[in-house]
Structures are given as C-alpha cells and as structure tokens.
N, C-alpha and C. Protein backbone atom coordinates (compact mmCIF):
# COMPACT_ATOMS: atom_id res chain seq x y z
N MET A 1 124.56 104.14 94.73
CA MET A 1 123.38 103.96 93.91
C MET A 1 123.57 102.74 93.02
N LYS A 2 122.53 101.95 92.87
CA LYS A 2 122.66 100.68 92.16
C LYS A 2 122.55 100.81 90.65
N ILE A 3 122.06 101.95 90.17
CA ILE A 3 121.91 102.16 88.73
C ILE A 3 122.96 103.15 88.27
N ARG A 4 123.67 102.78 87.19
CA ARG A 4 124.78 103.59 86.69
C ARG A 4 124.54 104.01 85.24
N LYS A 5 125.41 104.86 84.73
CA LYS A 5 125.35 105.31 83.35
C LYS A 5 125.51 104.11 82.41
N ASP A 6 124.79 104.12 81.30
CA ASP A 6 124.79 103.10 80.25
C ASP A 6 124.10 101.79 80.65
N ASP A 7 123.47 101.72 81.82
CA ASP A 7 122.66 100.55 82.17
C ASP A 7 121.35 100.62 81.40
N THR A 8 120.75 99.46 81.15
CA THR A 8 119.43 99.40 80.55
C THR A 8 118.42 99.18 81.67
N VAL A 9 117.38 100.01 81.69
CA VAL A 9 116.39 99.92 82.75
C VAL A 9 114.98 99.88 82.17
N GLN A 10 114.04 99.42 82.99
CA GLN A 10 112.63 99.40 82.63
C GLN A 10 111.89 100.30 83.61
N VAL A 11 111.01 101.16 83.08
CA VAL A 11 110.23 102.06 83.93
C VAL A 11 109.07 101.27 84.51
N ILE A 12 108.90 101.34 85.84
CA ILE A 12 107.83 100.58 86.49
C ILE A 12 106.72 101.48 87.03
N ALA A 13 106.86 102.81 86.91
CA ALA A 13 105.83 103.73 87.38
C ALA A 13 105.88 105.01 86.55
N GLY A 14 104.73 105.65 86.40
CA GLY A 14 104.68 106.91 85.68
C GLY A 14 104.10 106.77 84.29
N LYS A 15 104.18 107.85 83.51
CA LYS A 15 103.56 107.87 82.19
C LYS A 15 104.24 106.95 81.18
N ASP A 16 105.51 106.61 81.40
CA ASP A 16 106.25 105.73 80.48
C ASP A 16 106.36 104.31 81.02
N ARG A 17 105.43 103.90 81.87
CA ARG A 17 105.46 102.59 82.51
C ARG A 17 105.56 101.46 81.48
N GLY A 18 106.49 100.53 81.71
CA GLY A 18 106.67 99.37 80.84
C GLY A 18 107.71 99.57 79.75
N LYS A 19 108.15 100.80 79.52
CA LYS A 19 109.13 101.06 78.47
C LYS A 19 110.55 100.85 78.98
N LYS A 20 111.44 100.50 78.06
CA LYS A 20 112.85 100.29 78.40
C LYS A 20 113.69 101.40 77.79
N GLY A 21 114.77 101.74 78.48
CA GLY A 21 115.65 102.78 77.98
C GLY A 21 117.03 102.70 78.61
N ARG A 22 117.97 103.43 78.00
CA ARG A 22 119.35 103.47 78.47
C ARG A 22 119.54 104.68 79.36
N VAL A 23 120.32 104.52 80.42
CA VAL A 23 120.59 105.60 81.36
C VAL A 23 121.65 106.53 80.74
N LEU A 24 121.29 107.81 80.56
CA LEU A 24 122.22 108.79 80.03
C LEU A 24 123.05 109.41 81.14
N ARG A 25 122.39 109.68 82.28
CA ARG A 25 123.05 110.32 83.40
C ARG A 25 122.50 109.78 84.70
N SER A 26 123.37 109.63 85.67
CA SER A 26 122.97 109.19 87.00
C SER A 26 123.22 110.35 87.96
N LEU A 27 122.22 110.68 88.77
CA LEU A 27 122.33 111.78 89.73
C LEU A 27 122.19 111.21 91.15
N PRO A 28 123.27 110.67 91.73
CA PRO A 28 123.17 109.98 93.02
C PRO A 28 122.77 110.88 94.19
N LYS A 29 123.14 112.15 94.18
CA LYS A 29 122.78 113.03 95.29
C LYS A 29 121.27 113.28 95.34
N LYS A 30 120.64 113.32 94.17
CA LYS A 30 119.19 113.54 94.09
C LYS A 30 118.43 112.22 93.99
N ASN A 31 119.15 111.10 93.84
CA ASN A 31 118.57 109.77 93.70
C ASN A 31 117.68 109.69 92.44
N LYS A 32 118.21 110.22 91.33
CA LYS A 32 117.48 110.25 90.08
C LYS A 32 118.36 109.80 88.92
N VAL A 33 117.71 109.42 87.81
CA VAL A 33 118.41 109.04 86.59
C VAL A 33 117.71 109.72 85.41
N VAL A 34 118.49 109.99 84.35
CA VAL A 34 117.96 110.55 83.11
C VAL A 34 118.04 109.44 82.07
N LEU A 35 116.88 109.13 81.44
CA LEU A 35 116.81 108.04 80.48
C LEU A 35 116.71 108.59 79.06
N GLU A 36 117.26 107.84 78.12
CA GLU A 36 117.27 108.23 76.71
C GLU A 36 115.88 108.04 76.10
N GLY A 37 115.26 109.15 75.69
CA GLY A 37 113.97 109.08 75.00
C GLY A 37 112.77 108.83 75.88
N LEU A 38 112.92 108.86 77.19
CA LEU A 38 111.81 108.63 78.11
C LEU A 38 111.66 109.81 79.07
N ASN A 39 110.46 109.96 79.63
CA ASN A 39 110.12 111.04 80.55
C ASN A 39 110.41 112.40 79.91
N LEU A 40 109.92 112.57 78.68
CA LEU A 40 110.17 113.79 77.91
C LEU A 40 109.18 114.89 78.28
N VAL A 41 109.67 116.12 78.30
CA VAL A 41 108.84 117.30 78.46
C VAL A 41 109.18 118.26 77.33
N VAL A 42 108.23 119.15 77.00
CA VAL A 42 108.45 120.12 75.93
C VAL A 42 108.87 121.44 76.55
N LYS A 43 110.01 121.96 76.10
CA LYS A 43 110.51 123.25 76.57
C LYS A 43 110.39 124.25 75.42
N HIS A 44 109.77 125.38 75.70
CA HIS A 44 109.62 126.43 74.69
C HIS A 44 110.81 127.38 74.78
N VAL A 45 111.48 127.58 73.64
CA VAL A 45 112.67 128.42 73.59
C VAL A 45 112.36 129.66 72.78
N ARG A 46 112.67 130.82 73.34
CA ARG A 46 112.45 132.09 72.65
C ARG A 46 113.49 132.30 71.55
N PRO A 47 113.15 133.07 70.54
CA PRO A 47 114.15 133.39 69.52
C PRO A 47 115.24 134.29 70.11
N ARG A 48 116.46 134.05 69.76
CA ARG A 48 117.60 134.81 70.29
C ARG A 48 117.93 136.04 69.44
N ARG A 49 117.86 135.88 68.10
CA ARG A 49 118.23 136.98 67.20
C ARG A 49 117.02 137.42 66.38
N GLN A 50 117.19 138.56 65.73
CA GLN A 50 116.15 139.10 64.84
C GLN A 50 115.92 138.13 63.67
N GLY A 51 114.69 137.80 63.39
CA GLY A 51 114.37 136.93 62.26
C GLY A 51 114.40 135.45 62.59
N GLU A 52 114.93 135.08 63.71
CA GLU A 52 114.97 133.67 64.11
C GLU A 52 113.63 133.28 64.71
N LYS A 53 113.24 132.03 64.54
CA LYS A 53 111.97 131.56 65.08
C LYS A 53 112.18 130.88 66.42
N GLY A 54 111.13 130.90 67.23
CA GLY A 54 111.15 130.18 68.49
C GLY A 54 111.01 128.69 68.23
N GLN A 55 111.33 127.89 69.22
CA GLN A 55 111.30 126.43 69.04
C GLN A 55 110.63 125.76 70.23
N ARG A 56 110.20 124.53 69.99
CA ARG A 56 109.74 123.65 71.05
C ARG A 56 110.70 122.47 71.08
N ILE A 57 111.44 122.33 72.16
CA ILE A 57 112.45 121.28 72.27
C ILE A 57 111.96 120.21 73.25
N LYS A 58 112.03 118.95 72.83
CA LYS A 58 111.71 117.85 73.74
C LYS A 58 112.98 117.47 74.47
N MET A 59 112.91 117.45 75.79
CA MET A 59 114.10 117.10 76.57
C MET A 59 113.73 116.09 77.65
N ALA A 60 114.67 115.19 77.93
CA ALA A 60 114.48 114.18 78.96
C ALA A 60 114.73 114.79 80.33
N THR A 61 113.83 114.52 81.26
CA THR A 61 113.97 115.03 82.62
C THR A 61 114.29 113.89 83.57
N PRO A 62 114.88 114.19 84.71
CA PRO A 62 115.25 113.13 85.66
C PRO A 62 114.03 112.38 86.20
N LEU A 63 114.22 111.10 86.41
CA LEU A 63 113.20 110.20 86.92
C LEU A 63 113.74 109.57 88.19
N ASP A 64 112.92 109.42 89.21
CA ASP A 64 113.38 108.85 90.47
C ASP A 64 113.79 107.39 90.27
N THR A 65 114.85 106.97 90.95
CA THR A 65 115.36 105.60 90.79
C THR A 65 114.39 104.55 91.32
N SER A 66 113.46 104.95 92.19
CA SER A 66 112.48 103.99 92.68
C SER A 66 111.45 103.66 91.60
N SER A 67 111.43 104.42 90.51
CA SER A 67 110.49 104.19 89.42
C SER A 67 111.08 103.36 88.29
N VAL A 68 112.32 102.92 88.44
CA VAL A 68 112.94 102.10 87.41
C VAL A 68 113.52 100.82 88.00
N LYS A 69 113.61 99.79 87.15
CA LYS A 69 114.20 98.52 87.55
C LYS A 69 115.27 98.15 86.53
N LEU A 70 116.39 97.69 87.01
CA LEU A 70 117.52 97.34 86.14
C LEU A 70 117.21 96.09 85.34
N ILE A 71 117.64 96.06 84.07
CA ILE A 71 117.50 94.88 83.22
C ILE A 71 118.81 94.11 83.27
N CYS A 72 118.73 92.82 83.59
CA CYS A 72 119.93 91.98 83.68
C CYS A 72 120.51 91.77 82.29
N PRO A 73 121.82 92.01 82.10
CA PRO A 73 122.43 91.80 80.79
C PRO A 73 122.52 90.32 80.40
N LYS A 74 122.41 89.42 81.37
CA LYS A 74 122.51 87.98 81.08
C LYS A 74 121.14 87.36 80.76
N CYS A 75 120.15 87.53 81.66
CA CYS A 75 118.84 86.90 81.46
C CYS A 75 117.82 87.82 80.81
N LYS A 76 118.15 89.11 80.61
CA LYS A 76 117.31 90.10 79.91
C LYS A 76 115.96 90.34 80.58
N LYS A 77 115.89 90.17 81.91
CA LYS A 77 114.66 90.41 82.64
C LYS A 77 114.89 91.49 83.69
N ALA A 78 113.80 92.15 84.12
CA ALA A 78 113.90 93.16 85.18
C ALA A 78 114.30 92.45 86.46
N MET A 79 115.20 93.08 87.22
CA MET A 79 115.75 92.38 88.38
C MET A 79 115.98 93.31 89.55
N ARG A 80 116.21 92.70 90.70
CA ARG A 80 116.70 93.41 91.85
C ARG A 80 118.21 93.20 91.88
N VAL A 81 118.94 94.19 92.36
CA VAL A 81 120.39 94.15 92.34
C VAL A 81 120.93 93.75 93.71
N GLY A 82 121.94 92.87 93.69
CA GLY A 82 122.66 92.53 94.91
C GLY A 82 124.13 92.81 94.69
N TYR A 83 124.91 92.76 95.75
CA TYR A 83 126.35 92.99 95.66
C TYR A 83 127.11 91.80 96.20
N LYS A 84 128.21 91.47 95.54
CA LYS A 84 129.12 90.42 95.99
C LYS A 84 130.52 91.00 96.05
N ILE A 85 131.28 90.60 97.04
CA ILE A 85 132.69 90.97 97.10
C ILE A 85 133.47 89.75 96.64
N LEU A 86 134.17 89.89 95.51
CA LEU A 86 134.89 88.78 94.90
C LEU A 86 136.20 88.53 95.62
N ALA A 87 136.90 87.48 95.22
CA ALA A 87 138.17 87.08 95.84
C ALA A 87 139.24 88.16 95.72
N ASN A 88 139.20 88.94 94.64
CA ASN A 88 140.20 90.00 94.44
C ASN A 88 139.77 91.32 95.10
N LYS A 89 138.87 91.26 96.07
CA LYS A 89 138.40 92.41 96.87
C LYS A 89 137.61 93.44 96.05
N LYS A 90 137.10 93.05 94.87
CA LYS A 90 136.29 93.93 94.04
C LYS A 90 134.82 93.72 94.37
N LYS A 91 134.08 94.82 94.45
CA LYS A 91 132.66 94.77 94.73
C LYS A 91 131.92 94.78 93.40
N LYS A 92 131.13 93.75 93.11
CA LYS A 92 130.42 93.62 91.85
C LYS A 92 128.93 93.47 92.10
N ARG A 93 128.12 93.92 91.12
CA ARG A 93 126.68 93.75 91.19
C ARG A 93 126.30 92.37 90.64
N PHE A 94 125.20 91.80 91.13
CA PHE A 94 124.72 90.55 90.58
C PHE A 94 123.20 90.55 90.53
N CYS A 95 122.68 89.73 89.62
CA CYS A 95 121.24 89.57 89.43
C CYS A 95 120.72 88.60 90.48
N ARG A 96 119.71 89.01 91.22
CA ARG A 96 119.16 88.13 92.25
C ARG A 96 118.31 87.01 91.63
N ARG A 97 117.94 87.14 90.37
CA ARG A 97 117.12 86.13 89.71
C ARG A 97 117.99 85.00 89.12
N CYS A 98 119.00 85.36 88.29
CA CYS A 98 119.82 84.32 87.63
C CYS A 98 121.20 84.17 88.27
N LYS A 99 121.51 85.01 89.27
CA LYS A 99 122.77 84.98 89.99
C LYS A 99 123.98 85.34 89.12
N GLY A 100 123.76 85.95 87.96
CA GLY A 100 124.85 86.35 87.07
C GLY A 100 125.54 87.61 87.57
N VAL A 101 126.86 87.58 87.64
CA VAL A 101 127.65 88.72 88.10
C VAL A 101 128.02 89.59 86.90
N PHE A 102 127.87 90.91 87.04
CA PHE A 102 128.23 91.82 85.95
C PHE A 102 128.81 93.10 86.49
C-alpha cells in the first residue's frame, strides 16, 4: 500500500472532500486508512454504572485509499506515488510531480 502511518493526505472524494489530515492507522488488508479528525461519525454510548450519563462520542472511521491522495513533503502538493530502487537496494517512494524521493 502506498499510504503509510503519519503521512499527510488530502481527501479527494466524500463528505470531507478537499480537507487535509494525518494518517493515524493504515489497514492494508482492507485497503483503508483512518485519518485524524476526518470522516467522523457519532457513536452513542450507554451508561455503564448507576448514576452515570450516556455519551455521544465522535470517532474517525476508515476511509478507502482510493478517496485520498498523498501530499508530497517536498513540494506540498497532492501527488501520485512512484517507487525507485536506490543503489543500496532500498525501495523508496517518490513524487511523480517534483521527482523528490522520501
């Protein structure tokens, strides 16, 4: 999967279209990512003990990776990701727009 934890991404589809956020979790088997503060839903929680009140908790839900685009750390624009194999046999991602390796 081309998007990893702590990457900055821009949402290109859905209710949060155009917003940017940080990836909290990557779910490669489901091809989804969880973003910080985006794609929120309200979950109603029942009271557990006597006298305690119920709550409404906002929680981030997974978003399909096809709905997000990676932000290049060098040129700060939404980009497509490519891969390069460097001289030391390491596989690195690069920005197809500015050709910056990261």
